[in-house]
Amino acid sequence: MQRTQIYLSEPERQGLLALAQRSGRSQSALIREAIDRFLDNNQPQERLARLRAGRGLWAAGPGPLDGLTLRQELDRIPPEGG
């Protein structure tokens, strides 16, 4: 591993610190994880492979939901932190 420095805005720094404290992980570990995810999501061949792997996931489902049914489903999900 190689050491590097980055500049963070104050809100970024505070958010990262809070997340590290909540998760019990180091800020460095969280930054490395974020970079790994960013790199994975920006590799065209990896993205294509993920899209192909997900093809047909909903094929056995009930089909598309109408607006009212979708709203009712969303209303049943409790809000985060609540």
PDB file of N, CA and C in Angstrom:
ATOM      1  N   MET A   1       0.833  -1.169   0.000  1.00  0.00           N
ATOM      2  CA  MET A   1       0.000   0.000   0.000  1.00  0.00           C
ATOM      3  C   MET A   1       0.887   1.244   0.000  1.00  0.00           C
ATOM      4  N   GLN A   2       0.408   2.264  -0.653  1.00  0.00           N
ATOM      5  CA  GLN A   2       1.176   3.505  -0.737  1.00  0.00           C
ATOM      6  C   GLN A   2       0.371   4.641  -0.116  1.00  0.00           C
ATOM      7  N   ARG A   3       1.025   5.462   0.654  1.00  0.00           N
ATOM      8  CA  ARG A   3       0.379   6.589   1.316  1.00  0.00           C
ATOM      9  C   ARG A   3       0.163   7.714   0.314  1.00  0.00           C
ATOM     10  N   THR A   4      -1.007   8.376   0.444  1.00  0.00           N
ATOM     11  CA  THR A   4      -1.306   9.536  -0.394  1.00  0.00           C
ATOM     12  C   THR A   4      -2.109  10.526   0.434  1.00  0.00           C
ATOM     13  N   GLN A   5      -2.210  11.731  -0.040  1.00  0.00           N
ATOM     14  CA  GLN A   5      -2.977  12.761   0.649  1.00  0.00           C
ATOM     15  C   GLN A   5      -4.087  13.243  -0.267  1.00  0.00           C
ATOM     16  N   ILE A   6      -5.219  13.599   0.342  1.00  0.00           N
ATOM     17  CA  ILE A   6      -6.319  14.177  -0.418  1.00  0.00           C
ATOM     18  C   ILE A   6      -6.846  15.391   0.343  1.00  0.00           C
ATOM     19  N   TYR A   7      -7.494  16.273  -0.378  1.00  0.00           N
ATOM     20  CA  TYR A   7      -8.138  17.427   0.232  1.00  0.00           C
ATOM     21  C   TYR A   7      -9.636  17.156   0.286  1.00  0.00           C
ATOM     22  N   LEU A   8     -10.246  17.373   1.453  1.00  0.00           N
ATOM     23  CA  LEU A   8     -11.680  17.207   1.631  1.00  0.00           C
ATOM     24  C   LEU A   8     -12.287  18.531   2.070  1.00  0.00           C
ATOM     25  N   SER A   9     -13.500  18.777   1.612  1.00  0.00           N
ATOM     26  CA  SER A   9     -14.229  19.937   2.124  1.00  0.00           C
ATOM     27  C   SER A   9     -14.613  19.637   3.573  1.00  0.00           C
ATOM     28  N   GLU A  10     -15.000  20.645   4.295  1.00  0.00           N
ATOM     29  CA  GLU A  10     -15.385  20.437   5.697  1.00  0.00           C
ATOM     30  C   GLU A  10     -16.584  19.482   5.824  1.00  0.00           C
ATOM     31  N   PRO A  11     -17.619  19.634   5.005  1.00  0.00           N
ATOM     32  CA  PRO A  11     -18.731  18.674   5.097  1.00  0.00           C
ATOM     33  C   PRO A  11     -18.296  17.236   4.774  1.00  0.00           C
ATOM     34  N   GLU A  12     -17.404  17.070   3.789  1.00  0.00           N
ATOM     35  CA  GLU A  12     -16.894  15.731   3.469  1.00  0.00           C
ATOM     36  C   GLU A  12     -16.128  15.163   4.654  1.00  0.00           C
ATOM     37  N   ARG A  13     -15.282  15.979   5.252  1.00  0.00           N
ATOM     38  CA  ARG A  13     -14.473  15.533   6.384  1.00  0.00           C
ATOM     39  C   ARG A  13     -15.351  15.132   7.568  1.00  0.00           C
ATOM     40  N   GLN A  14     -16.354  15.970   7.860  1.00  0.00           N
ATOM     41  CA  GLN A  14     -17.259  15.679   8.972  1.00  0.00           C
ATOM     42  C   GLN A  14     -18.077  14.408   8.703  1.00  0.00           C
ATOM     43  N   GLY A  15     -18.564  14.271   7.488  1.00  0.00           N
ATOM     44  CA  GLY A  15     -19.340  13.084   7.129  1.00  0.00           C
ATOM     45  C   GLY A  15     -18.517  11.815   7.224  1.00  0.00           C
ATOM     46  N   LEU A  16     -17.298  11.888   6.741  1.00  0.00           N
ATOM     47  CA  LEU A  16     -16.412  10.730   6.794  1.00  0.00           C
ATOM     48  C   LEU A  16     -16.084  10.363   8.237  1.00  0.00           C
ATOM     49  N   LEU A  17     -15.808  11.343   9.053  1.00  0.00           N
ATOM     50  CA  LEU A  17     -15.513  11.110  10.460  1.00  0.00           C
ATOM     51  C   LEU A  17     -16.704  10.463  11.168  1.00  0.00           C
ATOM     52  N   ALA A  18     -17.903  10.991  10.922  1.00  0.00           N
ATOM     53  CA  ALA A  18     -19.108  10.440  11.549  1.00  0.00           C
ATOM     54  C   ALA A  18     -19.348   9.002  11.107  1.00  0.00           C
ATOM     55  N   LEU A  19     -19.173   8.726   9.827  1.00  0.00           N
ATOM     56  CA  LEU A  19     -19.362   7.368   9.322  1.00  0.00           C
ATOM     57  C   LEU A  19     -18.335   6.415   9.920  1.00  0.00           C
ATOM     58  N   ALA A  20     -17.109   6.859  10.033  1.00  0.00           N
ATOM     59  CA  ALA A  20     -16.063   6.023  10.629  1.00  0.00           C
ATOM     60  C   ALA A  20     -16.406   5.698  12.083  1.00  0.00           C
ATOM     61  N   GLN A  21     -16.884   6.678  12.809  1.00  0.00           N
ATOM     62  CA  GLN A  21     -17.232   6.450  14.210  1.00  0.00           C
ATOM     63  C   GLN A  21     -18.419   5.502  14.338  1.00  0.00           C
ATOM     64  N   ARG A  22     -19.432   5.678  13.489  1.00  0.00           N
ATOM     65  CA  ARG A  22     -20.620   4.804  13.536  1.00  0.00           C
ATOM     66  C   ARG A  22     -20.289   3.373  13.152  1.00  0.00           C
ATOM     67  N   SER A  23     -19.428   3.223  12.172  1.00  0.00           N
ATOM     68  CA  SER A  23     -19.146   1.884  11.636  1.00  0.00           C
ATOM     69  C   SER A  23     -18.005   1.183  12.357  1.00  0.00           C
ATOM     70  N   GLY A  24     -17.216   1.948  13.127  1.00  0.00           N
ATOM     71  CA  GLY A  24     -16.067   1.342  13.791  1.00  0.00           C
ATOM     72  C   GLY A  24     -14.925   1.035  12.837  1.00  0.00           C
ATOM     73  N   ARG A  25     -14.948   1.649  11.672  1.00  0.00           N
ATOM     74  CA  ARG A  25     -13.889   1.448  10.684  1.00  0.00           C
ATOM     75  C   ARG A  25     -13.077   2.727  10.582  1.00  0.00           C
ATOM     76  N   SER A  26     -11.877   2.600  10.075  1.00  0.00           N
ATOM     77  CA  SER A  26     -11.026   3.782   9.928  1.00  0.00           C
ATOM     78  C   SER A  26     -11.473   4.600   8.723  1.00  0.00           C
ATOM     79  N   GLN A  27     -11.146   5.882   8.761  1.00  0.00           N
ATOM     80  CA  GLN A  27     -11.449   6.746   7.628  1.00  0.00           C
ATOM     81  C   GLN A  27     -10.721   6.246   6.383  1.00  0.00           C
ATOM     82  N   SER A  28      -9.495   5.791   6.556  1.00  0.00           N
ATOM     83  CA  SER A  28      -8.721   5.283   5.418  1.00  0.00           C
ATOM     84  C   SER A  28      -9.409   4.086   4.771  1.00  0.00           C
ATOM     85  N   ALA A  29      -9.931   3.177   5.598  1.00  0.00           N
ATOM     86  CA  ALA A  29     -10.614   2.000   5.060  1.00  0.00           C
ATOM     87  C   ALA A  29     -11.853   2.404   4.278  1.00  0.00           C
ATOM     88  N   LEU A  30     -12.591   3.382   4.799  1.00  0.00           N
ATOM     89  CA  LEU A  30     -13.791   3.855   4.100  1.00  0.00           C
ATOM     90  C   LEU A  30     -13.433   4.518   2.775  1.00  0.00           C
ATOM     91  N   ILE A  31     -12.374   5.294   2.757  1.00  0.00           N
ATOM     92  CA  ILE A  31     -11.934   5.943   1.519  1.00  0.00           C
ATOM     93  C   ILE A  31     -11.498   4.898   0.497  1.00  0.00           C
ATOM     94  N   ARG A  32     -10.735   3.887   0.941  1.00  0.00           N
ATOM     95  CA  ARG A  32     -10.302   2.830   0.011  1.00  0.00           C
ATOM     96  C   ARG A  32     -11.504   2.084  -0.560  1.00  0.00           C
ATOM     97  N   GLU A  33     -12.495   1.794   0.298  1.00  0.00           N
ATOM     98  CA  GLU A  33     -13.696   1.102  -0.176  1.00  0.00           C
ATOM     99  C   GLU A  33     -14.439   1.948  -1.210  1.00  0.00           C
ATOM    100  N   ALA A  34     -14.557   3.241  -0.943  1.00  0.00           N
ATOM    101  CA  ALA A  34     -15.243   4.132  -1.885  1.00  0.00           C
ATOM    102  C   ALA A  34     -14.507   4.184  -3.224  1.00  0.00           C
ATOM    103  N   ILE A  35     -13.200   4.242  -3.183  1.00  0.00           N
ATOM    104  CA  ILE A  35     -12.411   4.272  -4.418  1.00  0.00           C
ATOM    105  C   ILE A  35     -12.556   2.962  -5.171  1.00  0.00           C
ATOM    106  N   ASP A  36     -12.507   1.841  -4.455  1.00  0.00           N
ATOM    107  CA  ASP A  36     -12.688   0.537  -5.107  1.00  0.00           C
ATOM    108  C   ASP A  36     -14.037   0.456  -5.811  1.00  0.00           C
ATOM    109  N   ARG A  37     -15.097   0.899  -5.124  1.00  0.00           N
ATOM    110  CA  ARG A  37     -16.431   0.875  -5.736  1.00  0.00           C
ATOM    111  C   ARG A  37     -16.494   1.784  -6.955  1.00  0.00           C
ATOM    112  N   PHE A  38     -15.906   2.972  -6.835  1.00  0.00           N
ATOM    113  CA  PHE A  38     -15.890   3.907  -7.956  1.00  0.00           C
ATOM    114  C   PHE A  38     -15.192   3.286  -9.158  1.00  0.00           C
ATOM    115  N   LEU A  39     -14.035   2.684  -8.919  1.00  0.00           N
ATOM    116  CA  LEU A  39     -13.289   2.068 -10.022  1.00  0.00           C
ATOM    117  C   LEU A  39     -14.055   0.903 -10.623  1.00  0.00           C
ATOM    118  N   ASP A  40     -14.669   0.067  -9.782  1.00  0.00           N
ATOM    119  CA  ASP A  40     -15.457  -1.058 -10.291  1.00  0.00           C
ATOM    120  C   ASP A  40     -16.616  -0.576 -11.157  1.00  0.00           C
ATOM    121  N   ASN A  41     -17.285   0.484 -10.707  1.00  0.00           N
ATOM    122  CA  ASN A  41     -18.449   0.991 -11.431  1.00  0.00           C
ATOM    123  C   ASN A  41     -18.079   1.718 -12.714  1.00  0.00           C
ATOM    124  N   ASN A  42     -16.831   2.022 -12.909  1.00  0.00           N
ATOM    125  CA  ASN A  42     -16.409   2.757 -14.101  1.00  0.00           C
ATOM    126  C   ASN A  42     -15.551   1.930 -15.039  1.00  0.00           C
ATOM    127  N   GLN A  43     -15.612   0.628 -14.896  1.00  0.00           N
ATOM    128  CA  GLN A  43     -14.938  -0.275 -15.816  1.00  0.00           C
ATOM    129  C   GLN A  43     -15.997  -0.791 -16.798  1.00  0.00           C
ATOM    130  N   PRO A  44     -15.940  -0.399 -18.054  1.00  0.00           N
ATOM    131  CA  PRO A  44     -17.010  -0.757 -18.999  1.00  0.00           C
ATOM    132  C   PRO A  44     -17.288  -2.254 -19.068  1.00  0.00           C
ATOM    133  N   GLN A  45     -16.270  -3.081 -19.089  1.00  0.00           N
ATOM    134  CA  GLN A  45     -16.499  -4.521 -19.207  1.00  0.00           C
ATOM    135  C   GLN A  45     -17.147  -5.081 -17.940  1.00  0.00           C
ATOM    136  N   GLU A  46     -16.807  -4.538 -16.775  1.00  0.00           N
ATOM    137  CA  GLU A  46     -17.420  -4.980 -15.528  1.00  0.00           C
ATOM    138  C   GLU A  46     -18.886  -4.562 -15.486  1.00  0.00           C
ATOM    139  N   ARG A  47     -19.163  -3.358 -15.929  1.00  0.00           N
ATOM    140  CA  ARG A  47     -20.546  -2.874 -15.943  1.00  0.00           C
ATOM    141  C   ARG A  47     -21.395  -3.729 -16.860  1.00  0.00           C
ATOM    142  N   LEU A  48     -20.887  -4.059 -18.022  1.00  0.00           N
ATOM    143  CA  LEU A  48     -21.614  -4.898 -18.959  1.00  0.00           C
ATOM    144  C   LEU A  48     -21.866  -6.276 -18.361  1.00  0.00           C
ATOM    145  N   ALA A  49     -20.866  -6.823 -17.681  1.00  0.00           N
ATOM    146  CA  ALA A  49     -21.032  -8.141 -17.051  1.00  0.00           C
ATOM    147  C   ALA A  49     -22.115  -8.089 -15.974  1.00  0.00           C
ATOM    148  N   ARG A  50     -22.157  -7.004 -15.183  1.00  0.00           N
ATOM    149  CA  ARG A  50     -23.192  -6.874 -14.142  1.00  0.00           C
ATOM    150  C   ARG A  50     -24.579  -6.735 -14.772  1.00  0.00           C
ATOM    151  N   LEU A  51     -24.664  -5.968 -15.860  1.00  0.00           N
ATOM    152  CA  LEU A  51     -25.951  -5.824 -16.535  1.00  0.00           C
ATOM    153  C   LEU A  51     -26.430  -7.166 -17.089  1.00  0.00           C
ATOM    154  N   ARG A  52     -25.519  -7.916 -17.681  1.00  0.00           N
ATOM    155  CA  ARG A  52     -25.892  -9.225 -18.218  1.00  0.00           C
ATOM    156  C   ARG A  52     -26.297 -10.195 -17.111  1.00  0.00           C
ATOM    157  N   ALA A  53     -25.597 -10.138 -15.981  1.00  0.00           N
ATOM    158  CA  ALA A  53     -25.928 -11.017 -14.858  1.00  0.00           C
ATOM    159  C   ALA A  53     -27.308 -10.700 -14.295  1.00  0.00           C
ATOM    160  N   GLY A  54     -27.730  -9.441 -14.383  1.00  0.00           N
ATOM    161  CA  GLY A  54     -29.019  -9.041 -13.841  1.00  0.00           C
ATOM    162  C   GLY A  54     -30.183  -9.221 -14.805  1.00  0.00           C
ATOM    163  N   ARG A  55     -29.878  -9.591 -16.030  1.00  0.00           N
ATOM    164  CA  ARG A  55     -30.923  -9.740 -17.033  1.00  0.00           C
ATOM    165  C   ARG A  55     -31.939 -10.793 -16.581  1.00  0.00           C
ATOM    166  N   GLY A  56     -33.198 -10.455 -16.624  1.00  0.00           N
ATOM    167  CA  GLY A  56     -34.246 -11.417 -16.296  1.00  0.00           C
ATOM    168  C   GLY A  56     -34.552 -11.556 -14.815  1.00  0.00           C
ATOM    169  N   LEU A  57     -33.949 -10.738 -13.955  1.00  0.00           N
ATOM    170  CA  LEU A  57     -34.196 -10.863 -12.519  1.00  0.00           C
ATOM    171  C   LEU A  57     -35.674 -10.747 -12.179  1.00  0.00           C
ATOM    172  N   TRP A  58     -36.395  -9.916 -12.904  1.00  0.00           N
ATOM    173  CA  TRP A  58     -37.801  -9.690 -12.591  1.00  0.00           C
ATOM    174  C   TRP A  58     -38.732 -10.502 -13.487  1.00  0.00           C
ATOM    175  N   ALA A  59     -38.202 -11.413 -14.260  1.00  0.00           N
ATOM    176  CA  ALA A  59     -39.016 -12.152 -15.218  1.00  0.00           C
ATOM    177  C   ALA A  59     -40.128 -12.949 -14.542  1.00  0.00           C
ATOM    178  N   ALA A  60     -39.876 -13.473 -13.351  1.00  0.00           N
ATOM    179  CA  ALA A  60     -40.870 -14.295 -12.670  1.00  0.00           C
ATOM    180  C   ALA A  60     -41.790 -13.473 -11.782  1.00  0.00           C
ATOM    181  N   GLY A  61     -41.599 -12.172 -11.752  1.00  0.00           N
ATOM    182  CA  GLY A  61     -42.385 -11.308 -10.876  1.00  0.00           C
ATOM    183  C   GLY A  61     -43.788 -11.072 -11.393  1.00  0.00           C
ATOM    184  N   PRO A  62     -44.562 -10.248 -10.670  1.00  0.00           N
ATOM    185  CA  PRO A  62     -45.956 -10.014 -11.034  1.00  0.00           C
ATOM    186  C   PRO A  62     -46.139  -9.074 -12.224  1.00  0.00           C
ATOM    187  N   GLY A  63     -45.065  -8.527 -12.734  1.00  0.00           N
ATOM    188  CA  GLY A  63     -45.174  -7.598 -13.852  1.00  0.00           C
ATOM    189  C   GLY A  63     -45.102  -6.174 -13.349  1.00  0.00           C
ATOM    190  N   PRO A  64     -45.246  -5.213 -14.241  1.00  0.00           N
ATOM    191  CA  PRO A  64     -45.118  -3.817 -13.830  1.00  0.00           C
ATOM    192  C   PRO A  64     -46.242  -3.408 -12.881  1.00  0.00           C
ATOM    193  N   LEU A  65     -45.911  -2.536 -11.944  1.00  0.00           N
ATOM    194  CA  LEU A  65     -46.903  -2.031 -11.001  1.00  0.00           C
ATOM    195  C   LEU A  65     -47.503  -0.737 -11.545  1.00  0.00           C
ATOM    196  N   ASP A  66     -48.790  -0.563 -11.299  1.00  0.00           N
ATOM    197  CA  ASP A  66     -49.381   0.718 -11.659  1.00  0.00           C
ATOM    198  C   ASP A  66     -49.003   1.731 -10.586  1.00  0.00           C
ATOM    199  N   GLY A  67     -49.248   3.007 -10.838  1.00  0.00           N
ATOM    200  CA  GLY A  67     -48.841   4.069  -9.926  1.00  0.00           C
ATOM    201  C   GLY A  67     -49.416   3.926  -8.535  1.00  0.00           C
ATOM    202  N   LEU A  68     -50.694   3.560  -8.412  1.00  0.00           N
ATOM    203  CA  LEU A  68     -51.335   3.428  -7.105  1.00  0.00           C
ATOM    204  C   LEU A  68     -50.717   2.281  -6.306  1.00  0.00           C
ATOM    205  N   THR A  69     -50.517   1.149  -6.949  1.00  0.00           N
ATOM    206  CA  THR A  69     -49.924   0.003  -6.264  1.00  0.00           C
ATOM    207  C   THR A  69     -48.504   0.327  -5.811  1.00  0.00           C
ATOM    208  N   LEU A  70     -47.743   0.994  -6.666  1.00  0.00           N
ATOM    209  CA  LEU A  70     -46.382   1.370  -6.307  1.00  0.00           C
ATOM    210  C   LEU A  70     -46.384   2.315  -5.106  1.00  0.00           C
ATOM    211  N   ARG A  71     -47.277   3.302  -5.090  1.00  0.00           N
ATOM    212  CA  ARG A  71     -47.362   4.242  -3.960  1.00  0.00           C
ATOM    213  C   ARG A  71     -47.708   3.495  -2.668  1.00  0.00           C
ATOM    214  N   GLN A  72     -48.624   2.526  -2.755  1.00  0.00           N
ATOM    215  CA  GLN A  72     -49.007   1.740  -1.579  1.00  0.00           C
ATOM    216  C   GLN A  72     -47.818   0.923  -1.067  1.00  0.00           C
ATOM    217  N   GLU A  73     -47.035   0.367  -1.971  1.00  0.00           N
ATOM    218  CA  GLU A  73     -45.846  -0.393  -1.569  1.00  0.00           C
ATOM    219  C   GLU A  73     -44.850   0.514  -0.875  1.00  0.00           C
ATOM    220  N   LEU A  74     -44.626   1.694  -1.427  1.00  0.00           N
ATOM    221  CA  LEU A  74     -43.667   2.623  -0.835  1.00  0.00           C
ATOM    222  C   LEU A  74     -44.148   3.138   0.517  1.00  0.00           C
ATOM    223  N   ASP A  75     -45.447   3.311   0.681  1.00  0.00           N
ATOM    224  CA  ASP A  75     -45.993   3.792   1.954  1.00  0.00           C
ATOM    225  C   ASP A  75     -45.783   2.777   3.082  1.00  0.00           C
ATOM    226  N   ARG A  76     -45.615   1.514   2.741  1.00  0.00           N
ATOM    227  CA  ARG A  76     -45.408   0.477   3.760  1.00  0.00           C
ATOM    228  C   ARG A  76     -43.971   0.433   4.264  1.00  0.00           C
ATOM    229  N   ILE A  77     -43.054   1.055   3.560  1.00  0.00           N
ATOM    230  CA  ILE A  77     -41.633   1.054   3.958  1.00  0.00           C
ATOM    231  C   ILE A  77     -41.436   2.138   5.007  1.00  0.00           C
ATOM    232  N   PRO A  78     -40.966   1.756   6.222  1.00  0.00           N
ATOM    233  CA  PRO A  78     -40.763   2.784   7.240  1.00  0.00           C
ATOM    234  C   PRO A  78     -39.621   3.712   6.845  1.00  0.00           C
ATOM    235  N   PRO A  79     -39.732   5.007   7.195  1.00  0.00           N
ATOM    236  CA  PRO A  79     -38.642   5.937   6.871  1.00  0.00           C
ATOM    237  C   PRO A  79     -37.382   5.573   7.644  1.00  0.00           C
ATOM    238  N   GLU A  80     -36.225   5.887   7.045  1.00  0.00           N
ATOM    239  CA  GLU A  80     -34.952   5.608   7.711  1.00  0.00           C
ATOM    240  C   GLU A  80     -34.875   6.394   9.004  1.00  0.00           C
ATOM    241  N   GLY A  81     -34.375   5.728  10.047  1.00  0.00           N
ATOM    242  CA  GLY A  81     -34.220   6.377  11.330  1.00  0.00           C
ATOM    243  C   GLY A  81     -35.522   6.506  12.086  1.00  0.00           C
ATOM    244  N   GLY A  82     -36.612   5.932  11.576  1.00  0.00           N
ATOM    245  CA  GLY A  82     -37.891   6.099  12.213  1.00  0.00           C
ATOM    246  C   GLY A  82     -38.495   4.884  12.714  1.00  0.00           C
TER     247      GLY A  82
END
